[in-house]
Structure formats: C-alpha cells, structure tokens
C-alpha atoms as a PDB file:
ATOM      1  CA  MET A   1      13.110 -27.055 -23.390  1.00  0.00           C
ATOM      2  CA  THR A   2      15.778 -29.399 -22.022  1.00  0.00           C
ATOM      3  CA  LYS A   3      15.149 -31.881 -19.220  1.00  0.00           C
ATOM      4  CA  LYS A   4      17.219 -29.719 -16.850  1.00  0.00           C
ATOM      5  CA  SER A   5      15.264 -26.600 -17.808  1.00  0.00           C
ATOM      6  CA  LYS A   6      11.959 -28.393 -17.259  1.00  0.00           C
ATOM      7  CA  LYS A   7      13.108 -29.474 -13.808  1.00  0.00           C
ATOM      8  CA  ILE A   8      14.131 -25.922 -12.863  1.00  0.00           C
ATOM      9  CA  PHE A   9      10.802 -24.576 -14.168  1.00  0.00           C
ATOM     10  CA  LYS A  10       8.937 -27.216 -12.181  1.00  0.00           C
ATOM     11  CA  ILE A  11      10.826 -26.311  -8.987  1.00  0.00           C
ATOM     12  CA  ILE A  12      10.209 -22.581  -9.464  1.00  0.00           C
ATOM     13  CA  SER A  13       6.518 -23.184 -10.188  1.00  0.00           C
ATOM     14  CA  GLY A  14       6.250 -25.331  -7.075  1.00  0.00           C
ATOM     15  CA  VAL A  15       7.835 -22.650  -4.901  1.00  0.00           C
ATOM     16  CA  VAL A  16       5.534 -19.937  -6.313  1.00  0.00           C
ATOM     17  CA  ILE A  17       2.450 -22.074  -5.701  1.00  0.00           C
ATOM     18  CA  PHE A  18       3.681 -22.992  -2.212  1.00  0.00           C
ATOM     19  CA  LEU A  19       4.136 -19.324  -1.311  1.00  0.00           C
ATOM     20  CA  THR A  20       1.036 -17.867  -2.959  1.00  0.00           C
ATOM     21  CA  LEU A  21      -1.636 -20.538  -2.474  1.00  0.00           C
ATOM     22  CA  PRO A  22      -1.911 -20.179   1.330  1.00  0.00           C
ATOM     23  CA  SER A  23      -2.158 -16.402   0.921  1.00  0.00           C
ATOM     24  CA  LEU A  24      -4.879 -16.745  -1.709  1.00  0.00           C
ATOM     25  CA  LEU A  25      -6.802 -19.222   0.427  1.00  0.00           C
ATOM     26  CA  PHE A  26      -6.500 -16.967   3.484  1.00  0.00           C
ATOM     27  CA  PHE A  27      -7.680 -13.930   1.513  1.00  0.00           C
ATOM     28  CA  GLY A  28     -10.588 -15.952   0.139  1.00  0.00           C
ATOM     29  CA  PHE A  29     -11.551 -16.988   3.672  1.00  0.00           C
ATOM     30  CA  LEU A  30     -11.436 -13.372   4.886  1.00  0.00           C
ATOM     31  CA  PHE A  31     -13.362 -12.143   1.856  1.00  0.00           C
ATOM     32  CA  PHE A  32     -16.257 -14.564   2.239  1.00  0.00           C
ATOM     33  CA  LYS A  33     -16.326 -14.163   6.026  1.00  0.00           C
ATOM     34  CA  TYR A  34     -16.147 -10.372   6.280  1.00  0.00           C
ATOM     35  CA  ASN A  35     -16.987  -8.760   2.937  1.00  0.00           C
ATOM     36  CA  GLU A  36     -20.258  -6.793   3.098  1.00  0.00           C
ATOM     37  CA  ASP A  37     -22.163  -4.602   0.689  1.00  0.00           C
ATOM     38  CA  LEU A  38     -22.445  -0.933   1.574  1.00  0.00           C
ATOM     39  CA  PRO A  39     -25.657  -0.642   3.624  1.00  0.00           C
ATOM     40  CA  ASN A  40     -28.556   1.545   2.618  1.00  0.00           C
ATOM     41  CA  GLY A  41     -29.335   4.466   4.852  1.00  0.00           C
ATOM     42  CA  ILE A  42     -31.611   7.471   5.106  1.00  0.00           C
ATOM     43  CA  GLN A  43     -30.335  11.037   4.994  1.00  0.00           C
ATOM     44  CA  GLY A  44     -32.006  13.728   7.047  1.00  0.00           C
ATOM     45  CA  GLU A  45     -32.582  14.999  10.555  1.00  0.00           C
ATOM     46  CA  GLU A  46     -32.391  11.599  12.280  1.00  0.00           C
ATOM     47  CA  ALA A  47     -28.958  10.890  10.797  1.00  0.00           C
ATOM     48  CA  ASP A  48     -27.701  14.332  11.781  1.00  0.00           C
ATOM     49  CA  ALA A  49     -29.154  13.890  15.279  1.00  0.00           C
ATOM     50  CA  LEU A  50     -27.188  10.655  15.700  1.00  0.00           C
ATOM     51  CA  ALA A  51     -24.017  12.461  14.595  1.00  0.00           C
ATOM     52  CA  TYR A  52     -24.658  15.317  17.041  1.00  0.00           C
ATOM     53  CA  ASN A  53     -25.244  12.789  19.818  1.00  0.00           C
ATOM     54  CA  MET A  54     -21.814  11.249  19.136  1.00  0.00           C
ATOM     55  CA  LEU A  55     -20.176  14.687  19.281  1.00  0.00           C
ATOM     56  CA  LYS A  56     -21.960  15.412  22.552  1.00  0.00           C
ATOM     57  CA  ALA A  57     -20.771  12.104  24.049  1.00  0.00           C
ATOM     58  CA  LEU A  58     -17.193  13.024  23.106  1.00  0.00           C
ATOM     59  CA  ASP A  59     -17.463  16.650  24.330  1.00  0.00           C
ATOM     60  CA  TYR A  60     -16.909  18.213  20.921  1.00  0.00           C
ATOM     61  CA  ASN A  61     -16.446  21.687  22.401  1.00  0.00           C
ATOM     62  CA  ALA A  62     -13.354  20.496  24.283  1.00  0.00           C
ATOM     63  CA  PHE A  63     -11.892  19.175  21.027  1.00  0.00           C
ATOM     64  CA  LYS A  64     -12.873  22.331  19.157  1.00  0.00           C
ATOM     65  CA  ASN A  65     -11.046  24.440  21.742  1.00  0.00           C
ATOM     66  CA  THR A  66      -7.926  22.265  21.587  1.00  0.00           C
ATOM     67  CA  ASN A  67      -5.395  24.302  19.606  1.00  0.00           C
ATOM     68  CA  HIS A  68      -2.364  21.963  19.716  1.00  0.00           C
ATOM     69  CA  ILE A  69      -2.314  18.173  19.353  1.00  0.00           C
ATOM     70  CA  GLU A  70       0.728  15.876  19.385  1.00  0.00           C
ATOM     71  CA  TRP A  71       0.755  12.130  18.751  1.00  0.00           C
ATOM     72  CA  THR A  72       2.767   9.191  17.421  1.00  0.00           C
ATOM     73  CA  TYR A  73       1.146   6.734  15.024  1.00  0.00           C
ATOM     74  CA  LYS A  74       2.316   3.093  15.165  1.00  0.00           C
ATOM     75  CA  LYS A  75       5.640   4.251  16.659  1.00  0.00           C
ATOM     76  CA  ARG A  76       6.675   5.448  13.180  1.00  0.00           C
ATOM     77  CA  HIS A  77       5.154   8.826  12.383  1.00  0.00           C
ATOM     78  CA  HIS A  78       5.278  11.751  14.802  1.00  0.00           C
ATOM     79  CA  TYR A  79       3.101  14.848  14.685  1.00  0.00           C
ATOM     80  CA  LYS A  80       2.939  18.297  16.243  1.00  0.00           C
ATOM     81  CA  TRP A  81      -0.242  19.877  14.933  1.00  0.00           C
ATOM     82  CA  ASP A  82      -0.954  23.558  15.449  1.00  0.00           C
ATOM     83  CA  LYS A  83      -4.653  23.057  14.913  1.00  0.00           C
ATOM     84  CA  ALA A  84      -5.515  26.713  15.378  1.00  0.00           C
ATOM     85  CA  ASN A  85      -3.323  27.733  12.422  1.00  0.00           C
ATOM     86  CA  ASN A  86      -3.687  24.437  10.533  1.00  0.00           C
ATOM     87  CA  ILE A  87       0.034  23.691  10.249  1.00  0.00           C
ATOM     88  CA  CYS A  88       1.727  20.482  11.346  1.00  0.00           C
ATOM     89  CA  GLU A  89       5.276  19.237  11.863  1.00  0.00           C
ATOM     90  CA  VAL A  90       5.567  15.660  10.581  1.00  0.00           C
ATOM     91  CA  TYR A  91       8.587  13.498  11.482  1.00  0.00           C
ATOM     92  CA  TRP A  92       9.612  10.022  10.306  1.00  0.00           C
ATOM     93  CA  LYS A  93      13.025   8.400  10.009  1.00  0.00           C
ATOM     94  CA  GLU A  94      15.474  11.198   9.052  1.00  0.00           C
ATOM     95  CA  PHE A  95      12.756  13.309   7.440  1.00  0.00           C
ATOM     96  CA  LYS A  96      10.745  16.288   8.632  1.00  0.00           C
ATOM     97  CA  VAL A  97       8.057  18.257   6.818  1.00  0.00           C
ATOM     98  CA  ASP A  98       6.416  21.450   7.997  1.00  0.00           C
ATOM     99  CA  LEU A  99       2.988  21.008   6.471  1.00  0.00           C
ATOM    100  CA  ASP A 100       0.908  24.057   5.667  1.00  0.00           C
ATOM    101  CA  LEU A 101      -2.535  22.483   5.491  1.00  0.00           C
ATOM    102  CA  ASN A 102      -4.098  25.680   4.149  1.00  0.00           C
ATOM    103  CA  ASP A 103      -1.579  26.193   1.337  1.00  0.00           C
ATOM    104  CA  HIS A 104       0.435  23.088   0.482  1.00  0.00           C
ATOM    105  CA  THR A 105       2.814  25.146  -1.699  1.00  0.00           C
ATOM    106  CA  GLN A 106       4.113  26.779   1.488  1.00  0.00           C
ATOM    107  CA  SER A 107       5.113  23.458   3.084  1.00  0.00           C
ATOM    108  CA  LYS A 108       8.838  22.848   3.685  1.00  0.00           C
ATOM    109  CA  ALA A 109      10.814  19.581   3.694  1.00  0.00           C
ATOM    110  CA  TYR A 110      14.017  18.648   5.518  1.00  0.00           C
ATOM    111  CA  VAL A 111      16.449  15.730   5.601  1.00  0.00           C
ATOM    112  CA  HIS A 112      18.674  15.525   8.696  1.00  0.00           C
ATOM    113  CA  SER A 113      17.580  19.112   9.493  1.00  0.00           C
ATOM    114  CA  PHE A 114      18.776  20.377   6.093  1.00  0.00           C
ATOM    115  CA  LYS A 115      16.119  21.956   3.909  1.00  0.00           C
ATOM    116  CA  VAL A 116      15.650  20.282   0.513  1.00  0.00           C
ATOM    117  CA  GLU A 117      14.083  21.618  -2.683  1.00  0.00           C
ATOM    118  CA  ASN A 118      12.844  20.471  -6.094  1.00  0.00           C
ATOM    119  CA  ASP A 119      11.566  16.942  -6.779  1.00  0.00           C
ATOM    120  CA  MET A 120      12.753  15.421  -3.500  1.00  0.00           C
ATOM    121  CA  ALA A 121      11.000  18.132  -1.520  1.00  0.00           C
ATOM    122  CA  GLU A 122       7.760  17.637  -3.448  1.00  0.00           C
ATOM    123  CA  GLU A 123       7.914  13.899  -2.893  1.00  0.00           C
ATOM    124  CA  LEU A 124       8.468  14.315   0.857  1.00  0.00           C
ATOM    125  CA  LYS A 125       5.709  16.913   1.161  1.00  0.00           C
ATOM    126  CA  GLU A 126       3.237  14.689  -0.669  1.00  0.00           C
ATOM    127  CA  LYS A 127       4.197  11.706   1.488  1.00  0.00           C
ATOM    128  CA  ALA A 128       3.829  13.753   4.685  1.00  0.00           C
ATOM    129  CA  LEU A 129       0.398  14.985   3.595  1.00  0.00           C
ATOM    130  CA  ASN A 130      -0.767  11.418   2.900  1.00  0.00           C
ATOM    131  CA  TYR A 131       0.610  10.317   6.276  1.00  0.00           C
ATOM    132  CA  PHE A 132      -1.218  13.165   7.997  1.00  0.00           C
ATOM    133  CA  ASN A 133      -4.510  12.498   6.230  1.00  0.00           C
ATOM    134  CA  ASN A 134      -4.422   8.816   7.197  1.00  0.00           C
ATOM    135  CA  ASP A 135      -2.934   9.020  10.683  1.00  0.00           C
ATOM    136  CA  SER A 136      -4.969  12.003  11.867  1.00  0.00           C
ATOM    137  CA  PHE A 137      -8.155  10.279  10.683  1.00  0.00           C
ATOM    138  CA  TRP A 138      -7.457   7.372  13.032  1.00  0.00           C
ATOM    139  CA  LEU A 139      -7.139   9.965  15.804  1.00  0.00           C
ATOM    140  CA  ILE A 140      -9.980  12.431  15.165  1.00  0.00           C
ATOM    141  CA  ALA A 141     -12.405  10.819  12.683  1.00  0.00           C
ATOM    142  CA  PRO A 142     -15.466  11.128  14.973  1.00  0.00           C
ATOM    143  CA  TYR A 143     -15.036  14.901  14.965  1.00  0.00           C
ATOM    144  CA  LYS A 144     -15.094  15.020  11.158  1.00  0.00           C
ATOM    145  CA  VAL A 145     -18.658  13.826  10.567  1.00  0.00           C
ATOM    146  CA  PHE A 146     -19.819  17.325   9.583  1.00  0.00           C
ATOM    147  CA  ASP A 147     -16.822  18.161   7.400  1.00  0.00           C
ATOM    148  CA  LYS A 148     -17.497  19.820   4.063  1.00  0.00           C
ATOM    149  CA  ASP A 149     -18.800  17.402   1.391  1.00  0.00           C
ATOM    150  CA  THR A 150     -19.848  14.682   3.813  1.00  0.00           C
ATOM    151  CA  GLU A 151     -23.078  12.732   3.621  1.00  0.00           C
ATOM    152  CA  ARG A 152     -24.662  11.208   6.715  1.00  0.00           C
ATOM    153  CA  ARG A 153     -27.212   8.388   6.644  1.00  0.00           C
ATOM    154  CA  LEU A 154     -29.093   6.609   9.402  1.00  0.00           C
ATOM    155  CA  VAL A 155     -28.734   2.822   9.150  1.00  0.00           C
ATOM    156  CA  THR A 156     -30.863   0.377  11.151  1.00  0.00           C
ATOM    157  CA  LEU A 157     -28.881  -2.764  11.982  1.00  0.00           C
ATOM    158  CA  GLU A 158     -30.315  -6.286  12.087  1.00  0.00           C
ATOM    159  CA  ASN A 159     -30.535  -6.131  15.890  1.00  0.00           C
ATOM    160  CA  GLY A 160     -32.478  -2.866  15.705  1.00  0.00           C
ATOM    161  CA  ASP A 161     -29.617  -0.604  16.806  1.00  0.00           C
ATOM    162  CA  LYS A 162     -29.007   2.657  14.972  1.00  0.00           C
ATOM    163  CA  ALA A 163     -25.703   3.261  13.192  1.00  0.00           C
ATOM    164  CA  LEU A 164     -24.332   6.257  11.303  1.00  0.00           C
ATOM    165  CA  LEU A 165     -23.007   5.907   7.764  1.00  0.00           C
ATOM    166  CA  VAL A 166     -20.668   8.761   6.814  1.00  0.00           C
ATOM    167  CA  THR A 167     -19.412   9.157   3.246  1.00  0.00           C
ATOM    168  CA  TYR A 168     -16.668  11.615   2.298  1.00  0.00           C
ATOM    169  CA  ILE A 169     -17.558  12.844  -1.186  1.00  0.00           C
ATOM    170  CA  SER A 170     -14.329  14.796  -1.591  1.00  0.00           C
ATOM    171  CA  GLY A 171     -11.193  15.794   0.308  1.00  0.00           C
ATOM    172  CA  GLY A 172      -8.436  13.781   1.948  1.00  0.00           C
ATOM    173  CA  SER A 173      -6.309  11.258   0.087  1.00  0.00           C
ATOM    174  CA  THR A 174      -9.119   8.831  -0.807  1.00  0.00           C
ATOM    175  CA  PRO A 175     -12.413  10.635  -1.524  1.00  0.00           C
ATOM    176  CA  GLY A 176     -15.498   8.444  -1.764  1.00  0.00           C
ATOM    177  CA  ASP A 177     -14.733   6.330   1.307  1.00  0.00           C
ATOM    178  CA  SER A 178     -17.578   5.398   3.664  1.00  0.00           C
ATOM    179  CA  TYR A 179     -17.604   4.511   7.370  1.00  0.00           C
ATOM    180  CA  LEU A 180     -20.411   2.997   9.424  1.00  0.00           C
ATOM    181  CA  TRP A 181     -20.133   4.144  13.042  1.00  0.00           C
ATOM    182  CA  LEU A 182     -21.308   1.855  15.866  1.00  0.00           C
ATOM    183  CA  PHE A 183     -22.097   3.212  19.339  1.00  0.00           C
ATOM    184  CA  ASP A 184     -22.503   2.263  22.982  1.00  0.00           C
ATOM    185  CA  GLU A 185     -25.561   3.255  25.028  1.00  0.00           C
ATOM    186  CA  SER A 186     -24.181   6.749  25.673  1.00  0.00           C
ATOM    187  CA  GLY A 187     -23.647   7.462  21.983  1.00  0.00           C
ATOM    188  CA  LYS A 188     -19.876   7.139  22.177  1.00  0.00           C
ATOM    189  CA  PRO A 189     -18.317   5.331  19.196  1.00  0.00           C
ATOM    190  CA  THR A 190     -16.998   1.821  19.817  1.00  0.00           C
ATOM    191  CA  ALA A 191     -16.081   0.841  16.238  1.00  0.00           C
ATOM    192  CA  PHE A 192     -16.654   1.568  12.583  1.00  0.00           C
ATOM    193  CA  LYS A 193     -16.938  -0.559   9.466  1.00  0.00           C
ATOM    194  CA  MET A 194     -15.068   0.612   6.385  1.00  0.00           C
ATOM    195  CA  TRP A 195     -15.798   0.729   2.673  1.00  0.00           C
ATOM    196  CA  VAL A 196     -12.529   2.278   1.499  1.00  0.00           C
ATOM    197  CA  SER A 197     -10.470   2.160  -1.680  1.00  0.00           C
ATOM    198  CA  VAL A 198      -7.253   1.078   0.073  1.00  0.00           C
ATOM    199  CA  LEU A 199      -8.764  -2.171   1.413  1.00  0.00           C
ATOM    200  CA  PRO A 200      -9.725  -5.109  -0.839  1.00  0.00           C
ATOM    201  CA  ILE A 201     -12.466  -6.270   1.538  1.00  0.00           C
ATOM    202  CA  ASP A 202     -15.554  -4.101   2.130  1.00  0.00           C
ATOM    203  CA  GLY A 203     -17.077  -3.722   5.564  1.00  0.00           C
ATOM    204  CA  LEU A 204     -14.057  -4.584   7.720  1.00  0.00           C
ATOM    205  CA  GLU A 205     -14.551  -3.470  11.316  1.00  0.00           C
ATOM    206  CA  ALA A 206     -12.017  -1.550  13.403  1.00  0.00           C
ATOM    207  CA  SER A 207     -12.482  -0.819  17.088  1.00  0.00           C
ATOM    208  CA  TRP A 208     -12.289   2.639  18.662  1.00  0.00           C
ATOM    209  CA  SER A 209     -11.163   2.040  22.216  1.00  0.00           C
ATOM    210  CA  ASN A 210      -8.774   2.897  25.046  1.00  0.00           C
ATOM    211  CA  TRP A 211      -9.795   6.544  24.999  1.00  0.00           C
ATOM    212  CA  THR A 212      -7.694   9.123  26.785  1.00  0.00           C
ATOM    213  CA  THR A 213      -8.658  12.620  27.873  1.00  0.00           C
ATOM    214  CA  THR A 214      -6.041  15.272  27.151  1.00  0.00           C
ATOM    215  CA  GLU A 215      -5.171  18.319  29.226  1.00  0.00           C
ATOM    216  CA  SER A 216      -7.564  20.350  27.069  1.00  0.00           C
ATOM    217  CA  GLY A 217     -10.414  17.901  27.683  1.00  0.00           C
ATOM    218  CA  ALA A 218     -10.383  16.389  24.186  1.00  0.00           C
ATOM    219  CA  GLN A 219     -11.134  12.660  24.090  1.00  0.00           C
ATOM    220  CA  LEU A 220      -8.895  10.713  21.711  1.00  0.00           C
ATOM    221  CA  PRO A 221      -8.354   6.968  21.108  1.00  0.00           C
ATOM    222  CA  THR A 222      -5.071   5.208  21.798  1.00  0.00           C
ATOM    223  CA  PHE A 223      -5.800   1.864  20.132  1.00  0.00           C
ATOM    224  CA  HIS A 224      -7.676   0.287  17.225  1.00  0.00           C
ATOM    225  CA  LYS A 225      -8.051  -3.409  16.467  1.00  0.00           C
ATOM    226  CA  LEU A 226      -8.501  -4.441  12.838  1.00  0.00           C
ATOM    227  CA  LEU A 227      -8.826  -8.227  12.535  1.00  0.00           C
ATOM    228  CA  VAL A 228      -5.612  -9.393  14.286  1.00  0.00           C
ATOM    229  CA  ILE A 229      -3.788  -6.101  13.689  1.00  0.00           C
ATOM    230  CA  GLY A 230      -3.374  -3.522  16.433  1.00  0.00           C
ATOM    231  CA  LEU A 231      -2.959   0.157  15.555  1.00  0.00           C
ATOM    232  CA  GLU A 232      -1.382   2.032  18.462  1.00  0.00           C
ATOM    233  CA  ILE A 233      -1.420   5.787  18.937  1.00  0.00           C
ATOM    234  CA  ASN A 234       1.013   6.963  21.590  1.00  0.00           C
ATOM    235  CA  ASN A 235       2.340  10.165  23.161  1.00  0.00           C
ATOM    236  CA  ILE A 236      -0.974  11.958  22.770  1.00  0.00           C
ATOM    237  CA  LYS A 237      -1.078  15.532  24.051  1.00  0.00           C
ATOM    238  CA  GLY A 238      -3.770  18.130  23.620  1.00  0.00           C
ATOM    239  CA  THR A 239      -3.573  21.712  24.868  1.00  0.00           C
ATOM    240  CA  LYS A 240      -5.518  24.921  24.421  1.00  0.00           C
END
C-alpha cells in the first residue's frame, strides 16, 4: 500500500469511526438503561379479570359497535376501515390498496388511481397489510387482548401494582411479541412496555395518552411517546 493510499484509508477509517462511535455509545447507553427481561406472570382468572377491567374502562361495547374507523398515522398513512366487513382502504404517497382482511387474495392495488397487477401489485398489497397491522395496533391494541392465540398473564410490579402481560402467539406481522400494560386507578391503560422483534431493546415503554371519544363512543388514542419520539394519530373518526 502506497503512502497516499494509507493516508486515504486512514481518513476513511477516521470518518467511519467518527460517524458510528457516537451511535454505538448512545445505543449502549439506551440498552443498559432501558433493557429489561420479559417479566414472569401468572395465567388464569386474575389476569383475565384485569383485561376485562381495561375493556370496561374503555367502554368496549362502544368500540365493538363502531363499524367504520378512519385515521392517519404519523401524517403518512391514511386509513378508511370498514370494520364490519373487515376491509380497509390504505393510502400513502401515490399508492392506494383496497385490503380485504378476510381474503388477502381479493385485495386490489392502485398507483395514481390506475389498477396494477402482477409483482408490483403483490408488493403493494403486502406493504399495505404490514402498514395496517402496525398502525392499527397503535390505535386499537387495548381492544385486542382477547384475540385468538393470545396469552394473558398477571404481573405484580415492584411497587405492588398489577400489570397485564399480553403475548400474541400467532397472527399479525410479528407473532411472538409481548406487551406489558400499565393502568391508572380506573383501569384505563396509560402505557405499555414492549418485547418485540422489531426493536433491539426489550422493555421499552410507550405512553397511551391524549384519548379522544369518537361519534360512536369508541375511545382511541391520538398520541404515543416512545423515548424522545412522538407517534401522532390524527383525523380519527369512528361511526356506527
């Protein structure tokens, strides 16, 4: 290696270290500060009772009787969900997908209002389904604690409070994820901690706050705080 080549290599190495070292140090700080093992909990009637109490605090019947829900997630993804028939229009950028959540093969994809087929259509439909699974969870997760293939466990926190650990054995885009729900005195959720495959740190906490009540009576959150990140949900509508 020539002297000039060594100098260039040294400069490049210095730039890489300069750019990556702060990120690695910051991640290490977050990991040691926030990373938690999945807590142990007890399945049974007490866990289910805590879940039912949360649904009661949120007026589950009003949500159950809400047939149409619209919302915008992080000002990027827009949804019109016909909950009664389990179909949803998903919009982002110049794309639109009519998702059939009962039979994904019946979903349709569009670009600038023109229907597309073949590989592009499949890619858009898969992307829309992943968007829906993620973005709807941030909107309606409390109402999904008794979904098929869920496990509920009662967890006693260090301060003596009761929390609800919900694990999704199957379904969605990332089966196996677990969420520990935290509550206020009325049983309404205020936050959950996450043990999920898409995050490198276990036990990160996200708030559930700024609730709004729709025309149908369904209670839905408009904001979540995750560390210093804010997740906004706007233009929420719910009708019977």
